Amino acid sequence: MIEATELTKRYGDRTAVDRLSFTVRPGRVTGFLGPNGAGKSTTMRLILGLDSATAGRVTVGGKAYADLPVPLRAVGSLLDAKGVHGGRSAYHHLAGLAASNGIPRHRVEEVLDLVGLPEEAARRRTKGFSLGMGQRLGIAAALIGDPEVLILDEPVNGLDTEGIRWIRGLMRSLAAEGRTVFLSSHLMSEMELTADHIVVIGQGRLLADTTMRDFIETNSRAHTLVRSPEPEKLRALLETAGAQVRLEPTGGWRVEGPDAAAIGDLARDHGVAVHELTPAHSSLEEVYTALSQSSVEYRTEDRSTVDRSTVDRSTEDRSTDDRPAAPSPKETVR
């Protein structure tokens, strides 16, 4: 397993990882979440010995990565799919990795077949690879030593739908074999389907270390999905009763406040038909966004929240003097 204890990394006066402690156990997929700048990549580099800790320690199977006698047999990693010499073929890249760790050459063919890279592609120089092909090669490199521990940063990046389903199944099957799988991704919907446990950090500090189910159920706001052939009438009734109602992207209303039974009774009492009444919890994306909001380093304005009246007023106040003048004959492009 992977174990971090009071792990700290400073770059000058900036603290990237701040006394971070967590454990990644075998037999399950552990998701690693955090906004940009949270310290995820630094933490993964510290695990793999690519950076040295300012304080604290991190071990894999009880040893620092540098002390592992045959590292690729113990830990497989994918941090940057582009970290391959463009002049080499995929086959020779993997063969070099295998030779450096005493891994039999036949293992190269095995992992190429496992990740779906055909022989014709494997013999080509990697500089011509698409993003998806590069990801498959990076995953093959991580698996070359048949390791007990896998550390993957954004493994679905560049993969198509079939590839995403494949990597999801692969991660879960490796965990089912008793391996330790540590997975970082910004694709929340996929993480929710793949991970059993999650570690969430923000500004280098631990925010959560719990099962996926507990994380969502503990931090989410319960709501009810409601569909009716009289949607506006139902909405008016719900809002009068004090409910918060908003349109779901898939249609129907998302109702917060009264539970499903109360909504059903209200609709019945006013003769409004209801076609769906489903209790639900927030998604991982919604819960994670709310939890990590104070730790986000880079923000963009949500244009959907701009006050419509302000926009309309600014449009009405725009006088003809504010409009760009018509170009003079000399300025006209011919």
Protein backbone atom coordinates (compact mmCIF):
# COMPACT_ATOMS: atom_id res chain seq x y z
CA MET A 1 0.00 0.00 0.00
CA ILE A 2 0.95 3.66 -0.25
CA GLU A 3 1.32 5.54 3.03
CA ALA A 4 2.00 9.28 3.38
CA THR A 5 2.84 10.67 6.81
CA GLU A 6 2.98 14.43 7.46
CA LEU A 7 4.21 14.79 3.88
CA THR A 8 5.35 18.36 3.13
CA LYS A 9 6.90 19.97 0.07
CA ARG A 10 7.90 23.62 -0.20
CA TYR A 11 9.25 25.51 -3.19
CA GLY A 12 10.79 28.63 -1.74
CA ASP A 13 8.08 30.40 0.24
CA ARG A 14 5.27 28.41 -1.44
CA THR A 15 3.95 25.26 0.23
CA ALA A 16 2.69 22.79 -2.41
CA VAL A 17 1.98 19.92 0.02
CA ASP A 18 1.23 20.71 3.66
CA ARG A 19 1.56 17.95 6.30
CA LEU A 20 -0.45 15.52 4.19
CA SER A 21 -1.25 12.10 5.66
CA PHE A 22 -3.30 9.36 3.99
CA THR A 23 -3.19 5.66 3.14
CA VAL A 24 -4.02 4.00 -0.20
CA ARG A 25 -4.96 0.40 0.51
CA PRO A 26 -4.95 -2.64 -1.79
CA GLY A 27 -8.08 -4.24 -3.18
CA ARG A 28 -9.86 -1.04 -4.17
CA VAL A 29 -9.61 1.89 -6.56
CA THR A 30 -8.74 5.08 -4.68
CA GLY A 31 -9.52 8.34 -6.44
CA PHE A 32 -7.30 11.37 -5.86
CA LEU A 33 -9.17 14.67 -6.23
CA GLY A 34 -8.33 18.33 -5.90
CA PRO A 35 -8.57 21.56 -7.91
CA ASN A 36 -5.71 22.79 -10.09
CA GLY A 37 -2.82 23.83 -7.88
CA ALA A 38 -3.99 21.65 -4.97
CA GLY A 39 -0.76 19.62 -4.91
CA LYS A 40 -1.92 16.37 -6.57
CA SER A 41 0.88 16.17 -9.14
CA THR A 42 3.49 17.11 -6.54
CA THR A 43 2.19 14.40 -4.22
CA MET A 44 2.42 11.79 -6.99
CA ARG A 45 5.96 12.91 -7.83
CA LEU A 46 6.91 12.58 -4.16
CA ILE A 47 5.53 9.02 -4.07
CA LEU A 48 7.64 8.12 -7.12
CA GLY A 49 10.82 9.79 -5.85
CA LEU A 50 10.82 12.38 -8.63
CA ASP A 51 10.84 15.12 -5.97
CA SER A 52 12.21 14.96 -2.44
CA ALA A 53 10.02 15.89 0.52
CA THR A 54 10.82 18.93 2.64
CA ALA A 55 9.43 17.05 5.65
CA GLY A 56 7.51 13.86 6.38
CA ARG A 57 7.73 10.70 4.30
CA VAL A 58 5.85 8.53 1.85
CA THR A 59 6.36 4.80 1.30
CA VAL A 60 5.16 2.08 -1.06
CA GLY A 61 4.92 -1.31 0.59
CA GLY A 62 6.79 0.10 3.57
CA LYS A 63 9.75 1.35 1.51
CA ALA A 64 10.69 4.63 -0.12
CA TYR A 65 10.49 4.34 -3.91
CA ALA A 66 14.27 4.80 -4.22
CA ASP A 67 14.81 1.73 -2.02
CA LEU A 68 12.73 -0.63 -4.18
CA PRO A 69 15.13 -3.15 -5.76
CA VAL A 70 13.14 -3.58 -9.00
CA PRO A 71 10.78 -0.57 -9.09
CA LEU A 72 8.75 -1.44 -12.21
CA ARG A 73 7.81 -4.79 -10.69
CA ALA A 74 6.49 -3.01 -7.60
CA VAL A 75 5.01 0.25 -8.94
CA GLY A 76 3.62 1.16 -12.35
CA SER A 77 2.90 4.81 -13.07
CA LEU A 78 1.54 7.15 -15.71
CA LEU A 79 2.14 10.84 -15.04
CA ASP A 80 2.76 12.14 -18.55
CA ALA A 81 1.82 10.14 -21.63
CA LYS A 82 4.08 12.41 -23.72
CA GLY A 83 7.17 11.42 -21.74
CA VAL A 84 8.40 9.14 -24.52
CA HIS A 85 11.21 9.71 -27.03
CA GLY A 86 9.41 10.54 -30.28
CA GLY A 87 12.01 8.77 -32.39
CA ARG A 88 11.41 5.41 -30.76
CA SER A 89 8.66 2.97 -31.59
CA ALA A 90 6.19 1.93 -28.91
CA TYR A 91 7.65 -1.58 -29.02
CA HIS A 92 11.22 -0.46 -28.43
CA HIS A 93 10.18 1.99 -25.71
CA LEU A 94 8.54 -0.86 -23.78
CA ALA A 95 11.41 -3.25 -24.55
CA GLY A 96 13.86 -0.76 -23.06
CA LEU A 97 11.79 -0.46 -19.89
CA ALA A 98 11.56 -4.25 -19.64
CA ALA A 99 15.31 -4.74 -20.08
CA SER A 100 16.12 -2.13 -17.42
CA ASN A 101 14.17 -4.07 -14.80
CA GLY A 102 14.91 -7.65 -15.82
CA ILE A 103 11.44 -8.21 -17.28
CA PRO A 104 11.13 -10.89 -20.02
CA ARG A 105 10.75 -9.55 -23.58
CA HIS A 106 7.50 -11.48 -24.14
CA ARG A 107 5.85 -9.18 -21.60
CA VAL A 108 6.02 -6.39 -24.20
CA GLU A 109 3.66 -8.24 -26.54
CA GLU A 110 1.37 -9.04 -23.63
CA VAL A 111 0.87 -5.43 -22.53
CA LEU A 112 0.55 -4.16 -26.11
CA ASP A 113 -2.27 -6.65 -26.63
CA LEU A 114 -3.80 -5.75 -23.26
CA VAL A 115 -4.03 -2.02 -24.08
CA GLY A 116 -5.18 -2.57 -27.66
CA LEU A 117 -2.16 -1.28 -29.60
CA PRO A 118 -1.84 -3.41 -32.77
CA GLU A 119 1.59 -4.55 -33.96
CA GLU A 120 1.55 -2.17 -36.94
CA ALA A 121 1.07 0.83 -34.63
CA ALA A 122 3.55 -0.50 -32.06
CA ARG A 123 6.32 -0.56 -34.67
CA ARG A 124 5.79 3.10 -35.64
CA ARG A 125 7.61 6.04 -34.10
CA THR A 126 5.63 7.49 -31.23
CA LYS A 127 5.91 11.09 -32.47
CA GLY A 128 3.05 10.29 -34.87
CA PHE A 129 0.78 8.92 -32.16
CA SER A 130 -2.57 10.50 -31.39
CA LEU A 131 -3.33 11.52 -27.79
CA GLY A 132 -5.37 8.38 -27.27
CA MET A 133 -2.64 6.10 -28.62
CA GLY A 134 -0.12 7.86 -26.38
CA GLN A 135 -2.35 7.20 -23.37
CA ARG A 136 -2.57 3.50 -24.23
CA LEU A 137 1.21 3.32 -24.53
CA GLY A 138 1.60 5.08 -21.18
CA ILE A 139 -0.74 2.57 -19.55
CA ALA A 140 1.19 -0.29 -21.18
CA ALA A 141 4.40 1.11 -19.68
CA ALA A 142 2.74 1.26 -16.26
CA LEU A 143 1.72 -2.39 -16.56
CA ILE A 144 4.98 -3.72 -18.02
CA GLY A 145 6.28 -5.06 -14.69
CA ASP A 146 2.92 -6.57 -13.63
CA PRO A 147 3.12 -4.36 -10.52
CA GLU A 148 1.19 -4.57 -7.27
CA VAL A 149 0.73 -0.78 -7.17
CA LEU A 150 -0.55 1.48 -9.98
CA ILE A 151 -0.39 5.29 -9.90
CA LEU A 152 -2.23 6.93 -12.81
CA ASP A 153 -2.70 10.64 -13.47
CA GLU A 154 -5.60 11.41 -15.86
CA PRO A 155 -5.50 7.98 -17.56
CA VAL A 156 -8.68 8.58 -19.61
CA ASN A 157 -7.31 11.76 -21.20
CA GLY A 158 -7.69 11.48 -24.99
CA LEU A 159 -9.52 8.16 -24.94
CA ASP A 160 -12.78 7.64 -26.80
CA THR A 161 -15.90 6.17 -25.22
CA GLU A 162 -14.76 2.59 -25.78
CA GLY A 163 -11.34 3.41 -24.35
CA ILE A 164 -12.84 5.02 -21.24
CA ARG A 165 -15.03 1.98 -20.60
CA TRP A 166 -11.99 -0.24 -21.10
CA ILE A 167 -9.76 1.63 -18.62
CA ARG A 168 -12.61 1.71 -16.09
CA GLY A 169 -12.97 -2.07 -16.31
CA LEU A 170 -9.19 -2.56 -16.18
CA MET A 171 -8.78 -0.49 -13.02
CA ARG A 172 -11.58 -2.30 -11.25
CA SER A 173 -10.33 -5.74 -12.31
CA LEU A 174 -6.79 -4.96 -11.09
CA ALA A 175 -8.16 -3.80 -7.74
CA ALA A 176 -10.26 -6.98 -7.53
CA GLU A 177 -7.00 -8.95 -7.84
CA GLY A 178 -5.81 -7.27 -4.65
CA ARG A 179 -3.65 -4.56 -6.22
CA THR A 180 -3.41 -0.97 -5.06
CA VAL A 181 -4.81 1.48 -7.62
CA PHE A 182 -4.35 5.25 -7.09
CA LEU A 183 -6.14 7.28 -9.73
CA SER A 184 -6.24 11.04 -10.34
CA SER A 185 -8.78 12.59 -12.71
CA HIS A 186 -10.82 15.75 -13.25
CA LEU A 187 -13.57 13.76 -14.95
CA MET A 188 -15.95 13.51 -12.01
CA SER A 189 -18.60 11.36 -13.68
CA GLU A 190 -15.99 8.74 -14.51
CA MET A 191 -14.40 8.89 -11.07
CA GLU A 192 -17.82 8.30 -9.50
CA LEU A 193 -18.19 5.12 -11.58
CA THR A 194 -14.65 3.84 -10.98
CA ALA A 195 -13.41 4.69 -7.50
CA ASP A 196 -14.40 2.91 -4.27
CA HIS A 197 -12.56 5.33 -2.00
CA ILE A 198 -11.41 8.93 -2.44
CA VAL A 199 -8.73 11.23 -1.06
CA VAL A 200 -9.51 14.94 -1.58
CA ILE A 201 -6.93 17.68 -1.06
CA GLY A 202 -7.00 21.47 -1.37
CA GLN A 203 -4.06 23.87 -1.11
CA GLY A 204 -1.87 20.92 -0.21
CA ARG A 205 -4.00 19.86 2.78
CA LEU A 206 -6.28 16.88 3.29
CA LEU A 207 -9.99 17.68 2.92
CA ALA A 208 -11.47 14.17 2.89
CA ASP A 209 -10.36 10.53 3.09
CA THR A 210 -13.41 8.26 2.93
CA THR A 211 -15.44 5.87 0.82
CA MET A 212 -17.13 7.24 -2.28
CA ARG A 213 -20.59 6.42 -0.92
CA ASP A 214 -20.00 8.09 2.45
CA PHE A 215 -18.46 11.16 0.81
CA ILE A 216 -21.50 11.74 -1.38
CA GLU A 217 -24.17 10.85 1.19
CA THR A 218 -22.58 12.86 3.99
CA ASN A 219 -21.95 16.02 1.99
CA SER A 220 -24.80 16.06 -0.50
CA ARG A 221 -28.15 17.81 -0.28
CA ALA A 222 -31.08 15.44 -0.66
CA HIS A 223 -33.52 16.36 -3.40
CA THR A 224 -36.31 14.86 -5.48
CA LEU A 225 -36.58 14.57 -9.26
CA VAL A 226 -40.15 15.29 -10.38
CA ARG A 227 -41.80 15.07 -13.80
CA SER A 228 -45.33 16.14 -14.60
CA PRO A 229 -47.42 16.80 -17.74
CA GLU A 230 -48.31 20.10 -16.03
CA PRO A 231 -44.82 21.28 -15.11
CA GLU A 232 -45.49 24.99 -14.58
CA LYS A 233 -48.56 24.37 -12.45
CA LEU A 234 -46.58 21.94 -10.29
CA ARG A 235 -43.70 24.36 -10.01
CA ALA A 236 -45.98 27.14 -8.78
CA LEU A 237 -47.47 24.83 -6.15
CA LEU A 238 -44.02 23.73 -4.93
CA GLU A 239 -42.62 27.25 -4.73
CA THR A 240 -45.70 28.42 -2.83
CA ALA A 241 -45.00 25.61 -0.35
CA GLY A 242 -41.45 26.94 0.13
CA ALA A 243 -39.57 24.46 -2.06
CA GLN A 244 -36.55 25.36 -4.14
CA VAL A 245 -37.25 24.29 -7.72
CA ARG A 246 -34.98 24.33 -10.72
CA LEU A 247 -34.94 22.65 -14.11
CA GLU A 248 -32.83 19.52 -14.49
CA PRO A 249 -30.62 19.28 -17.63
CA THR A 250 -32.39 16.00 -18.50
CA GLY A 251 -35.83 17.57 -18.01
CA GLY A 252 -38.20 17.66 -15.07
CA TRP A 253 -37.77 19.58 -11.83
CA ARG A 254 -35.13 19.22 -9.15
CA VAL A 255 -36.91 19.99 -5.86
CA GLU A 256 -35.15 20.74 -2.57
CA GLY A 257 -37.06 21.11 0.69
CA PRO A 258 -40.10 18.82 0.91
CA ASP A 259 -39.43 15.10 0.54
CA ALA A 260 -40.95 12.86 -2.13
CA ALA A 261 -43.97 11.93 0.01
CA ALA A 262 -44.83 15.57 0.71
CA ILE A 263 -44.49 16.46 -2.98
CA GLY A 264 -46.77 13.58 -3.96
CA ASP A 265 -49.39 14.59 -1.41
CA LEU A 266 -49.27 18.22 -2.55
CA ALA A 267 -49.75 17.24 -6.20
CA ARG A 268 -52.61 14.89 -5.33
CA ASP A 269 -54.41 17.51 -3.23
CA HIS A 270 -54.35 19.97 -6.15
CA GLY A 271 -55.18 17.47 -8.89
CA VAL A 272 -51.78 17.65 -10.61
CA ALA A 273 -50.59 14.46 -12.31
CA VAL A 274 -47.05 13.28 -11.53
CA HIS A 275 -45.15 10.89 -13.82
CA GLU A 276 -41.93 10.64 -11.81
CA LEU A 277 -41.05 11.14 -8.14
CA THR A 278 -37.49 10.00 -7.42
CA PRO A 279 -35.51 10.74 -4.22
CA ALA A 280 -31.88 11.47 -5.09
CA HIS A 281 -28.55 12.76 -3.80
CA SER A 282 -26.09 15.18 -5.32
CA SER A 283 -23.54 13.85 -7.80
CA LEU A 284 -19.85 13.55 -6.96
CA GLU A 285 -19.18 16.63 -9.09
CA GLU A 286 -21.67 18.74 -7.12
CA VAL A 287 -20.40 17.57 -3.72
CA TYR A 288 -16.74 17.91 -4.68
CA THR A 289 -17.25 21.39 -6.14
CA ALA A 290 -18.97 22.60 -2.97
CA LEU A 291 -16.31 21.09 -0.69
CA SER A 292 -13.31 22.36 -2.64
CA GLN A 293 -14.67 25.82 -3.49
CA SER A 294 -12.56 27.60 -0.87
CA SER A 295 -9.42 25.81 -2.12
CA VAL A 296 -9.72 26.73 -5.81
CA GLU A 297 -6.66 28.67 -6.91
CA TYR A 298 -7.83 29.62 -10.41
CA ARG A 299 -11.38 30.88 -10.96
CA THR A 300 -13.45 31.93 -13.95
CA GLU A 301 -16.66 33.92 -13.80
CA ASP A 302 -19.83 31.91 -14.25
CA ARG A 303 -21.53 33.90 -17.02
CA SER A 304 -24.84 32.16 -16.34
CA THR A 305 -25.12 34.05 -13.04
CA VAL A 306 -24.87 37.52 -14.59
CA ASP A 307 -27.90 39.63 -13.62
CA ARG A 308 -30.11 39.77 -16.70
CA SER A 309 -31.51 43.17 -15.67
CA THR A 310 -27.98 44.58 -15.55
CA VAL A 311 -27.31 43.30 -19.04
CA ASP A 312 -30.58 44.71 -20.35
CA ARG A 313 -30.00 48.07 -18.62
CA SER A 314 -26.49 48.39 -20.00
CA THR A 315 -27.84 47.68 -23.46
CA GLU A 316 -30.58 50.29 -23.14
CA ASP A 317 -28.16 52.92 -21.80
CA ARG A 318 -25.82 52.55 -24.74
CA SER A 319 -26.15 55.83 -26.68
CA THR A 320 -25.35 56.42 -30.28
CA ASP A 321 -22.20 58.27 -29.16
CA ASP A 322 -20.85 54.97 -27.77
CA ARG A 323 -21.18 53.17 -31.08
CA PRO A 324 -18.06 52.89 -33.21
CA ALA A 325 -17.97 55.56 -35.87
CA ALA A 326 -18.31 54.50 -39.48
CA PRO A 327 -14.89 54.22 -41.11
CA SER A 328 -13.75 57.10 -43.26
CA PRO A 329 -13.08 56.46 -46.91
CA LYS A 330 -9.36 56.17 -46.13
CA GLU A 331 -10.00 53.56 -43.46
CA THR A 332 -12.26 51.38 -45.63
CA VAL A 333 -10.55 48.16 -46.64
CA ARG A 334 -10.84 47.54 -50.32
